[in-house]
Amino acid sequence: REELMSTGIGFNVAVPHVRLDSVKNLVMAVGISKEPLSDYASLDEQPVRIVCMVAARSDQHAQYLRTLALVSSVLKDLDVRQALQNAGDEKSAYLILTQ
């Protein structure tokens, strides 16, 4: 996916995404790293530390696009990104993202 275009959207965030027939329902996984990840050539050339991977079924186009837009919008907020970086555990990170 990264060879087509970087999913590093800037602000230390990457949002790799895919639509596949084998996916039963839209899912997202979040990874937060204290160290910069070197796998991304982010659009703003800043290191990636937060990764939100989104996978949806091929026919979930509208929901897929809404999810990508929401994730991008939420993670543009510096306070949210800093809170995620400082989250002590998965539950804390989940609460930050779902409030």
PDB file of N, CA and C in Angstrom:
ATOM      1  N   ARG A   1       0.821  -1.199   0.000  1.00  0.00           N
ATOM      2  CA  ARG A   1       0.000   0.000   0.000  1.00  0.00           C
ATOM      3  C   ARG A   1       0.860   1.256   0.000  1.00  0.00           C
ATOM      4  N   GLU A   2       1.932   1.234   0.740  1.00  0.00           N
ATOM      5  CA  GLU A   2       2.792   2.409   0.845  1.00  0.00           C
ATOM      6  C   GLU A   2       3.500   2.725  -0.470  1.00  0.00           C
ATOM      7  N   GLU A   3       3.662   1.721  -1.342  1.00  0.00           N
ATOM      8  CA  GLU A   3       4.301   1.969  -2.629  1.00  0.00           C
ATOM      9  C   GLU A   3       3.420   2.804  -3.549  1.00  0.00           C
ATOM     10  N   LEU A   4       2.090   2.696  -3.399  1.00  0.00           N
ATOM     11  CA  LEU A   4       1.169   3.485  -4.209  1.00  0.00           C
ATOM     12  C   LEU A   4       1.186   4.945  -3.780  1.00  0.00           C
ATOM     13  N   MET A   5       1.052   5.160  -2.483  1.00  0.00           N
ATOM     14  CA  MET A   5       1.051   6.501  -1.897  1.00  0.00           C
ATOM     15  C   MET A   5       1.160   6.325  -0.396  1.00  0.00           C
ATOM     16  N   SER A   6       1.898   7.184   0.231  1.00  0.00           N
ATOM     17  CA  SER A   6       2.071   7.065   1.673  1.00  0.00           C
ATOM     18  C   SER A   6       0.743   7.241   2.394  1.00  0.00           C
ATOM     19  N   THR A   7       0.539   6.413   3.411  1.00  0.00           N
ATOM     20  CA  THR A   7      -0.635   6.585   4.267  1.00  0.00           C
ATOM     21  C   THR A   7      -0.262   7.403   5.500  1.00  0.00           C
ATOM     22  N   GLY A   8       0.964   7.917   5.524  1.00  0.00           N
ATOM     23  CA  GLY A   8       1.369   8.856   6.562  1.00  0.00           C
ATOM     24  C   GLY A   8       0.749  10.197   6.236  1.00  0.00           C
ATOM     25  N   ILE A   9      -0.326  10.565   6.952  1.00  0.00           N
ATOM     26  CA  ILE A   9      -1.118  11.748   6.609  1.00  0.00           C
ATOM     27  C   ILE A   9      -0.565  13.032   7.218  1.00  0.00           C
ATOM     28  N   GLY A  10       0.465  12.899   8.037  1.00  0.00           N
ATOM     29  CA  GLY A  10       1.024  14.064   8.720  1.00  0.00           C
ATOM     30  C   GLY A  10       0.677  14.023  10.184  1.00  0.00           C
ATOM     31  N   PHE A  11       1.194  14.982  10.933  1.00  0.00           N
ATOM     32  CA  PHE A  11       0.909  15.085  12.367  1.00  0.00           C
ATOM     33  C   PHE A  11       1.345  13.843  13.143  1.00  0.00           C
ATOM     34  N   ASN A  12       2.354  13.124  12.650  1.00  0.00           N
ATOM     35  CA  ASN A  12       2.846  11.884  13.273  1.00  0.00           C
ATOM     36  C   ASN A  12       1.846  10.735  13.181  1.00  0.00           C
ATOM     37  N   VAL A  13       0.950  10.787  12.202  1.00  0.00           N
ATOM     38  CA  VAL A  13      -0.134   9.812  12.076  1.00  0.00           C
ATOM     39  C   VAL A  13      -0.094   9.137  10.708  1.00  0.00           C
ATOM     40  N   ALA A  14      -0.349   7.822  10.710  1.00  0.00           N
ATOM     41  CA  ALA A  14      -0.539   7.071   9.467  1.00  0.00           C
ATOM     42  C   ALA A  14      -1.879   6.343   9.556  1.00  0.00           C
ATOM     43  N   VAL A  15      -2.564   6.277   8.431  1.00  0.00           N
ATOM     44  CA  VAL A  15      -3.857   5.596   8.379  1.00  0.00           C
ATOM     45  C   VAL A  15      -3.865   4.633   7.186  1.00  0.00           C
ATOM     46  N   PRO A  16      -3.164   3.501   7.317  1.00  0.00           N
ATOM     47  CA  PRO A  16      -3.240   2.498   6.251  1.00  0.00           C
ATOM     48  C   PRO A  16      -4.657   1.945   6.180  1.00  0.00           C
ATOM     49  N   HIS A  17      -5.144   1.717   4.980  1.00  0.00           N
ATOM     50  CA  HIS A  17      -6.535   1.294   4.827  1.00  0.00           C
ATOM     51  C   HIS A  17      -6.692   0.407   3.593  1.00  0.00           C
ATOM     52  N   VAL A  18      -7.729  -0.441   3.659  1.00  0.00           N
ATOM     53  CA  VAL A  18      -7.977  -1.374   2.566  1.00  0.00           C
ATOM     54  C   VAL A  18      -9.453  -1.775   2.570  1.00  0.00           C
ATOM     55  N   ARG A  19      -9.958  -2.083   1.376  1.00  0.00           N
ATOM     56  CA  ARG A  19     -11.286  -2.700   1.245  1.00  0.00           C
ATOM     57  C   ARG A  19     -11.079  -4.056   0.589  1.00  0.00           C
ATOM     58  N   LEU A  20     -11.602  -5.086   1.245  1.00  0.00           N
ATOM     59  CA  LEU A  20     -11.447  -6.460   0.764  1.00  0.00           C
ATOM     60  C   LEU A  20     -12.748  -7.228   0.934  1.00  0.00           C
ATOM     61  N   ASP A  21     -13.053  -8.108  -0.009  1.00  0.00           N
ATOM     62  CA  ASP A  21     -14.247  -8.940   0.111  1.00  0.00           C
ATOM     63  C   ASP A  21     -14.180  -9.874   1.312  1.00  0.00           C
ATOM     64  N   SER A  22     -12.986 -10.243   1.746  1.00  0.00           N
ATOM     65  CA  SER A  22     -12.840 -11.187   2.858  1.00  0.00           C
ATOM     66  C   SER A  22     -13.121 -10.562   4.226  1.00  0.00           C
ATOM     67  N   VAL A  23     -13.218  -9.241   4.303  1.00  0.00           N
ATOM     68  CA  VAL A  23     -13.521  -8.575   5.576  1.00  0.00           C
ATOM     69  C   VAL A  23     -15.024  -8.640   5.807  1.00  0.00           C
ATOM     70  N   LYS A  24     -15.429  -9.116   6.990  1.00  0.00           N
ATOM     71  CA  LYS A  24     -16.868  -9.256   7.279  1.00  0.00           C
ATOM     72  C   LYS A  24     -17.517  -7.931   7.628  1.00  0.00           C
ATOM     73  N   ASN A  25     -16.807  -7.084   8.385  1.00  0.00           N
ATOM     74  CA  ASN A  25     -17.344  -5.794   8.777  1.00  0.00           C
ATOM     75  C   ASN A  25     -16.178  -4.856   9.019  1.00  0.00           C
ATOM     76  N   LEU A  26     -16.423  -3.568   8.922  1.00  0.00           N
ATOM     77  CA  LEU A  26     -15.375  -2.586   9.092  1.00  0.00           C
ATOM     78  C   LEU A  26     -14.700  -2.754  10.453  1.00  0.00           C
ATOM     79  N   VAL A  27     -13.375  -2.747  10.454  1.00  0.00           N
ATOM     80  CA  VAL A  27     -12.599  -2.870  11.685  1.00  0.00           C
ATOM     81  C   VAL A  27     -11.459  -1.862  11.659  1.00  0.00           C
ATOM     82  N   MET A  28     -11.001  -1.512  12.869  1.00  0.00           N
ATOM     83  CA  MET A  28      -9.861  -0.615  12.980  1.00  0.00           C
ATOM     84  C   MET A  28      -8.974  -1.100  14.112  1.00  0.00           C
ATOM     85  N   ALA A  29      -7.683  -1.027  13.890  1.00  0.00           N
ATOM     86  CA  ALA A  29      -6.698  -1.334  14.926  1.00  0.00           C
ATOM     87  C   ALA A  29      -5.817  -0.100  15.077  1.00  0.00           C
ATOM     88  N   VAL A  30      -5.429   0.190  16.306  1.00  0.00           N
ATOM     89  CA  VAL A  30      -4.616   1.372  16.591  1.00  0.00           C
ATOM     90  C   VAL A  30      -3.316   0.942  17.240  1.00  0.00           C
ATOM     91  N   GLY A  31      -2.227   1.498  16.755  1.00  0.00           N
ATOM     92  CA  GLY A  31      -0.920   1.273  17.349  1.00  0.00           C
ATOM     93  C   GLY A  31      -0.294   2.608  17.713  1.00  0.00           C
ATOM     94  N   ILE A  32       0.312   2.661  18.885  1.00  0.00           N
ATOM     95  CA  ILE A  32       0.950   3.888  19.358  1.00  0.00           C
ATOM     96  C   ILE A  32       2.384   3.527  19.734  1.00  0.00           C
ATOM     97  N   SER A  33       3.339   4.263  19.179  1.00  0.00           N
ATOM     98  CA  SER A  33       4.744   3.962  19.407  1.00  0.00           C
ATOM     99  C   SER A  33       5.461   5.161  20.015  1.00  0.00           C
ATOM    100  N   LYS A  34       6.249   4.912  21.023  1.00  0.00           N
ATOM    101  CA  LYS A  34       7.083   5.974  21.604  1.00  0.00           C
ATOM    102  C   LYS A  34       8.218   6.336  20.645  1.00  0.00           C
ATOM    103  N   GLU A  35       8.674   5.344  19.877  1.00  0.00           N
ATOM    104  CA  GLU A  35       9.751   5.554  18.909  1.00  0.00           C
ATOM    105  C   GLU A  35       9.145   5.792  17.524  1.00  0.00           C
ATOM    106  N   PRO A  36       9.769   6.640  16.710  1.00  0.00           N
ATOM    107  CA  PRO A  36       9.242   6.873  15.360  1.00  0.00           C
ATOM    108  C   PRO A  36       9.314   5.608  14.507  1.00  0.00           C
ATOM    109  N   LEU A  37       8.312   5.417  13.669  1.00  0.00           N
ATOM    110  CA  LEU A  37       8.251   4.266  12.773  1.00  0.00           C
ATOM    111  C   LEU A  37       8.852   4.656  11.428  1.00  0.00           C
ATOM    112  N   SER A  38       9.739   3.854  10.924  1.00  0.00           N
ATOM    113  CA  SER A  38      10.458   4.206   9.692  1.00  0.00           C
ATOM    114  C   SER A  38       9.779   3.708   8.426  1.00  0.00           C
ATOM    115  N   ASP A  39       8.668   2.989   8.553  1.00  0.00           N
ATOM    116  CA  ASP A  39       8.010   2.409   7.375  1.00  0.00           C
ATOM    117  C   ASP A  39       7.184   3.407   6.569  1.00  0.00           C
ATOM    118  N   TYR A  40       7.077   4.625   7.045  1.00  0.00           N
ATOM    119  CA  TYR A  40       6.197   5.598   6.411  1.00  0.00           C
ATOM    120  C   TYR A  40       6.975   6.819   5.931  1.00  0.00           C
ATOM    121  N   ALA A  41       6.696   7.228   4.702  1.00  0.00           N
ATOM    122  CA  ALA A  41       7.215   8.485   4.177  1.00  0.00           C
ATOM    123  C   ALA A  41       6.073   9.485   4.299  1.00  0.00           C
ATOM    124  N   SER A  42       5.892  10.010   5.481  1.00  0.00           N
ATOM    125  CA  SER A  42       4.750  10.858   5.769  1.00  0.00           C
ATOM    126  C   SER A  42       4.729  12.106   4.878  1.00  0.00           C
ATOM    127  N   LEU A  43       3.530  12.562   4.566  1.00  0.00           N
ATOM    128  CA  LEU A  43       3.361  13.703   3.674  1.00  0.00           C
ATOM    129  C   LEU A  43       4.031  14.961   4.200  1.00  0.00           C
ATOM    130  N   ASP A  44       4.115  15.119   5.534  1.00  0.00           N
ATOM    131  CA  ASP A  44       4.777  16.289   6.103  1.00  0.00           C
ATOM    132  C   ASP A  44       6.222  15.985   6.519  1.00  0.00           C
ATOM    133  N   GLU A  45       6.697  14.803   6.131  1.00  0.00           N
ATOM    134  CA  GLU A  45       8.066  14.358   6.399  1.00  0.00           C
ATOM    135  C   GLU A  45       8.396  14.256   7.889  1.00  0.00           C
ATOM    136  N   GLN A  46       7.379  14.162   8.726  1.00  0.00           N
ATOM    137  CA  GLN A  46       7.562  13.968  10.161  1.00  0.00           C
ATOM    138  C   GLN A  46       7.409  12.484  10.477  1.00  0.00           C
ATOM    139  N   PRO A  47       8.066  12.016  11.530  1.00  0.00           N
ATOM    140  CA  PRO A  47       7.969  10.596  11.865  1.00  0.00           C
ATOM    141  C   PRO A  47       6.553  10.205  12.301  1.00  0.00           C
ATOM    142  N   VAL A  48       6.181   8.971  11.993  1.00  0.00           N
ATOM    143  CA  VAL A  48       4.878   8.440  12.384  1.00  0.00           C
ATOM    144  C   VAL A  48       5.014   7.756  13.737  1.00  0.00           C
ATOM    145  N   ARG A  49       4.058   8.031  14.626  1.00  0.00           N
ATOM    146  CA  ARG A  49       4.040   7.419  15.959  1.00  0.00           C
ATOM    147  C   ARG A  49       2.676   6.797  16.280  1.00  0.00           C
ATOM    148  N   ILE A  50       1.649   7.213  15.528  1.00  0.00           N
ATOM    149  CA  ILE A  50       0.299   6.684  15.741  1.00  0.00           C
ATOM    150  C   ILE A  50      -0.178   6.097  14.416  1.00  0.00           C
ATOM    151  N   VAL A  51      -0.592   4.826  14.444  1.00  0.00           N
ATOM    152  CA  VAL A  51      -1.082   4.148  13.243  1.00  0.00           C
ATOM    153  C   VAL A  51      -2.499   3.663  13.507  1.00  0.00           C
ATOM    154  N   CYS A  52      -3.423   4.054  12.636  1.00  0.00           N
ATOM    155  CA  CYS A  52      -4.806   3.565  12.691  1.00  0.00           C
ATOM    156  C   CYS A  52      -5.060   2.800  11.404  1.00  0.00           C
ATOM    157  N   MET A  53      -5.113   1.476  11.517  1.00  0.00           N
ATOM    158  CA  MET A  53      -5.338   0.632  10.343  1.00  0.00           C
ATOM    159  C   MET A  53      -6.838   0.370  10.211  1.00  0.00           C
ATOM    160  N   VAL A  54      -7.374   0.621   9.028  1.00  0.00           N
ATOM    161  CA  VAL A  54      -8.800   0.450   8.768  1.00  0.00           C
ATOM    162  C   VAL A  54      -8.978  -0.568   7.647  1.00  0.00           C
ATOM    163  N   ALA A  55      -9.859  -1.539   7.883  1.00  0.00           N
ATOM    164  CA  ALA A  55     -10.206  -2.523   6.853  1.00  0.00           C
ATOM    165  C   ALA A  55     -11.721  -2.613   6.764  1.00  0.00           C
ATOM    166  N   ALA A  56     -12.221  -2.622   5.549  1.00  0.00           N
ATOM    167  CA  ALA A  56     -13.669  -2.702   5.331  1.00  0.00           C
ATOM    168  C   ALA A  56     -13.946  -3.664   4.192  1.00  0.00           C
ATOM    169  N   ARG A  57     -15.174  -4.157   4.156  1.00  0.00           N
ATOM    170  CA  ARG A  57     -15.622  -4.997   3.053  1.00  0.00           C
ATOM    171  C   ARG A  57     -15.739  -4.132   1.799  1.00  0.00           C
ATOM    172  N   SER A  58     -15.586  -4.711   0.667  1.00  0.00           N
ATOM    173  CA  SER A  58     -15.591  -3.966  -0.592  1.00  0.00           C
ATOM    174  C   SER A  58     -16.858  -3.152  -0.815  1.00  0.00           C
ATOM    175  N   ASP A  59     -17.995  -3.622  -0.304  1.00  0.00           N
ATOM    176  CA  ASP A  59     -19.254  -2.902  -0.520  1.00  0.00           C
ATOM    177  C   ASP A  59     -19.580  -1.895   0.586  1.00  0.00           C
ATOM    178  N   GLN A  60     -18.645  -1.636   1.472  1.00  0.00           N
ATOM    179  CA  GLN A  60     -18.863  -0.677   2.563  1.00  0.00           C
ATOM    180  C   GLN A  60     -18.211   0.671   2.260  1.00  0.00           C
ATOM    181  N   HIS A  61     -18.298   1.090   1.029  1.00  0.00           N
ATOM    182  CA  HIS A  61     -17.579   2.276   0.590  1.00  0.00           C
ATOM    183  C   HIS A  61     -17.931   3.527   1.406  1.00  0.00           C
ATOM    184  N   ALA A  62     -19.192   3.814   1.599  1.00  0.00           N
ATOM    185  CA  ALA A  62     -19.595   5.032   2.318  1.00  0.00           C
ATOM    186  C   ALA A  62     -19.116   5.002   3.771  1.00  0.00           C
ATOM    187  N   GLN A  63     -19.329   3.882   4.440  1.00  0.00           N
ATOM    188  CA  GLN A  63     -18.897   3.759   5.834  1.00  0.00           C
ATOM    189  C   GLN A  63     -17.369   3.856   5.926  1.00  0.00           C
ATOM    190  N   TYR A  64     -16.686   3.265   4.981  1.00  0.00           N
ATOM    191  CA  TYR A  64     -15.230   3.289   4.901  1.00  0.00           C
ATOM    192  C   TYR A  64     -14.721   4.728   4.784  1.00  0.00           C
ATOM    193  N   LEU A  65     -15.298   5.493   3.876  1.00  0.00           N
ATOM    194  CA  LEU A  65     -14.879   6.880   3.683  1.00  0.00           C
ATOM    195  C   LEU A  65     -15.194   7.745   4.903  1.00  0.00           C
ATOM    196  N   ARG A  66     -16.363   7.538   5.514  1.00  0.00           N
ATOM    197  CA  ARG A  66     -16.716   8.294   6.727  1.00  0.00           C
ATOM    198  C   ARG A  66     -15.735   7.993   7.859  1.00  0.00           C
ATOM    199  N   THR A  67     -15.364   6.733   7.984  1.00  0.00           N
ATOM    200  CA  THR A  67     -14.425   6.338   9.039  1.00  0.00           C
ATOM    201  C   THR A  67     -13.058   6.967   8.809  1.00  0.00           C
ATOM    202  N   LEU A  68     -12.567   6.923   7.586  1.00  0.00           N
ATOM    203  CA  LEU A  68     -11.271   7.535   7.285  1.00  0.00           C
ATOM    204  C   LEU A  68     -11.298   9.038   7.567  1.00  0.00           C
ATOM    205  N   ALA A  69     -12.379   9.688   7.186  1.00  0.00           N
ATOM    206  CA  ALA A  69     -12.500  11.129   7.429  1.00  0.00           C
ATOM    207  C   ALA A  69     -12.553  11.433   8.927  1.00  0.00           C
ATOM    208  N   LEU A  70     -13.296  10.633   9.678  1.00  0.00           N
ATOM    209  CA  LEU A  70     -13.409  10.853  11.120  1.00  0.00           C
ATOM    210  C   LEU A  70     -12.068  10.642  11.816  1.00  0.00           C
ATOM    211  N   VAL A  71     -11.386   9.561  11.475  1.00  0.00           N
ATOM    212  CA  VAL A  71     -10.075   9.275  12.078  1.00  0.00           C
ATOM    213  C   VAL A  71      -9.109  10.416  11.777  1.00  0.00           C
ATOM    214  N   SER A  72      -9.064  10.853  10.530  1.00  0.00           N
ATOM    215  CA  SER A  72      -8.168  11.940  10.147  1.00  0.00           C
ATOM    216  C   SER A  72      -8.507  13.215  10.904  1.00  0.00           C
ATOM    217  N   SER A  73      -9.770  13.518  11.010  1.00  0.00           N
ATOM    218  CA  SER A  73     -10.209  14.725  11.705  1.00  0.00           C
ATOM    219  C   SER A  73      -9.857  14.690  13.190  1.00  0.00           C
ATOM    220  N   VAL A  74     -10.156  13.582  13.844  1.00  0.00           N
ATOM    221  CA  VAL A  74      -9.884  13.454  15.281  1.00  0.00           C
ATOM    222  C   VAL A  74      -8.384  13.545  15.554  1.00  0.00           C
ATOM    223  N   LEU A  75      -7.581  12.893  14.729  1.00  0.00           N
ATOM    224  CA  LEU A  75      -6.146  12.836  14.993  1.00  0.00           C
ATOM    225  C   LEU A  75      -5.384  14.071  14.527  1.00  0.00           C
ATOM    226  N   LYS A  76      -6.053  15.020  13.920  1.00  0.00           N
ATOM    227  CA  LYS A  76      -5.418  16.305  13.627  1.00  0.00           C
ATOM    228  C   LYS A  76      -5.343  17.174  14.882  1.00  0.00           C
ATOM    229  N   ASP A  77      -6.098  16.808  15.901  1.00  0.00           N
ATOM    230  CA  ASP A  77      -6.127  17.554  17.156  1.00  0.00           C
ATOM    231  C   ASP A  77      -4.889  17.211  17.994  1.00  0.00           C
ATOM    232  N   LEU A  78      -4.043  18.193  18.236  1.00  0.00           N
ATOM    233  CA  LEU A  78      -2.806  17.995  18.984  1.00  0.00           C
ATOM    234  C   LEU A  78      -3.072  17.415  20.370  1.00  0.00           C
ATOM    235  N   ASP A  79      -4.114  17.877  21.041  1.00  0.00           N
ATOM    236  CA  ASP A  79      -4.425  17.370  22.383  1.00  0.00           C
ATOM    237  C   ASP A  79      -4.743  15.878  22.359  1.00  0.00           C
ATOM    238  N   VAL A  80      -5.470  15.441  21.348  1.00  0.00           N
ATOM    239  CA  VAL A  80      -5.810  14.018  21.218  1.00  0.00           C
ATOM    240  C   VAL A  80      -4.542  13.208  20.974  1.00  0.00           C
ATOM    241  N   ARG A  81      -3.698  13.672  20.071  1.00  0.00           N
ATOM    242  CA  ARG A  81      -2.457  12.946  19.777  1.00  0.00           C
ATOM    243  C   ARG A  81      -1.560  12.856  21.008  1.00  0.00           C
ATOM    244  N   GLN A  82      -1.440  13.945  21.739  1.00  0.00           N
ATOM    245  CA  GLN A  82      -0.614  13.931  22.949  1.00  0.00           C
ATOM    246  C   GLN A  82      -1.210  13.007  24.011  1.00  0.00           C
ATOM    247  N   ALA A  83      -2.518  13.031  24.149  1.00  0.00           N
ATOM    248  CA  ALA A  83      -3.174  12.135  25.119  1.00  0.00           C
ATOM    249  C   ALA A  83      -2.931  10.675  24.744  1.00  0.00           C
ATOM    250  N   LEU A  84      -3.002  10.354  23.455  1.00  0.00           N
ATOM    251  CA  LEU A  84      -2.735   8.983  23.016  1.00  0.00           C
ATOM    252  C   LEU A  84      -1.289   8.590  23.312  1.00  0.00           C
ATOM    253  N   GLN A  85      -0.369   9.495  23.028  1.00  0.00           N
ATOM    254  CA  GLN A  85       1.046   9.210  23.297  1.00  0.00           C
ATOM    255  C   GLN A  85       1.291   8.962  24.784  1.00  0.00           C
ATOM    256  N   ASN A  86       0.500   9.601  25.627  1.00  0.00           N
ATOM    257  CA  ASN A  86       0.678   9.470  27.075  1.00  0.00           C
ATOM    258  C   ASN A  86      -0.238   8.435  27.721  1.00  0.00           C
ATOM    259  N   ALA A  87      -1.086   7.811  26.919  1.00  0.00           N
ATOM    260  CA  ALA A  87      -2.015   6.805  27.464  1.00  0.00           C
ATOM    261  C   ALA A  87      -1.213   5.655  28.075  1.00  0.00           C
ATOM    262  N   GLY A  88      -1.601   5.257  29.252  1.00  0.00           N
ATOM    263  CA  GLY A  88      -0.855   4.219  29.950  1.00  0.00           C
ATOM    264  C   GLY A  88      -1.186   2.811  29.524  1.00  0.00           C
ATOM    265  N   ASP A  89      -2.355   2.629  28.904  1.00  0.00           N
ATOM    266  CA  ASP A  89      -2.759   1.285  28.507  1.00  0.00           C
ATOM    267  C   ASP A  89      -3.801   1.359  27.396  1.00  0.00           C
ATOM    268  N   GLU A  90      -4.204   0.181  26.919  1.00  0.00           N
ATOM    269  CA  GLU A  90      -5.150   0.109  25.799  1.00  0.00           C
ATOM    270  C   GLU A  90      -6.495   0.731  26.136  1.00  0.00           C
ATOM    271  N   LYS A  91      -6.977   0.507  27.342  1.00  0.00           N
ATOM    272  CA  LYS A  91      -8.286   1.040  27.738  1.00  0.00           C
ATOM    273  C   LYS A  91      -8.272   2.564  27.714  1.00  0.00           C
ATOM    274  N   SER A  92      -7.189   3.153  28.213  1.00  0.00           N
ATOM    275  CA  SER A  92      -7.071   4.617  28.205  1.00  0.00           C
ATOM    276  C   SER A  92      -7.075   5.147  26.775  1.00  0.00           C
ATOM    277  N   ALA A  93      -6.322   4.502  25.888  1.00  0.00           N
ATOM    278  CA  ALA A  93      -6.268   4.920  24.487  1.00  0.00           C
ATOM    279  C   ALA A  93      -7.655   4.799  23.836  1.00  0.00           C
ATOM    280  N   TYR A  94      -8.348   3.704  24.127  1.00  0.00           N
ATOM    281  CA  TYR A  94      -9.690   3.492  23.584  1.00  0.00           C
ATOM    282  C   TYR A  94     -10.630   4.618  24.030  1.00  0.00           C
ATOM    283  N   LEU A  95     -10.578   4.954  25.305  1.00  0.00           N
ATOM    284  CA  LEU A  95     -11.445   6.023  25.828  1.00  0.00           C
ATOM    285  C   LEU A  95     -11.130   7.361  25.193  1.00  0.00           C
ATOM    286  N   ILE A  96      -9.866   7.639  24.948  1.00  0.00           N
ATOM    287  CA  ILE A  96      -9.479   8.888  24.297  1.00  0.00           C
ATOM    288  C   ILE A  96     -10.075   8.963  22.888  1.00  0.00           C
ATOM    289  N   LEU A  97     -10.018   7.857  22.163  1.00  0.00           N
ATOM    290  CA  LEU A  97     -10.501   7.835  20.787  1.00  0.00           C
ATOM    291  C   LEU A  97     -12.015   7.799  20.663  1.00  0.00           C
ATOM    292  N   THR A  98     -12.707   7.371  21.692  1.00  0.00           N
ATOM    293  CA  THR A  98     -14.160   7.215  21.583  1.00  0.00           C
ATOM    294  C   THR A  98     -14.954   8.285  22.324  1.00  0.00           C
ATOM    295  N   GLN A  99     -14.282   9.269  22.870  1.00  0.00           N
ATOM    296  CA  GLN A  99     -15.012  10.330  23.579  1.00  0.00           C
ATOM    297  C   GLN A  99     -15.455  11.410  22.632  1.00  0.00           C
TER     298      GLN A  99
END
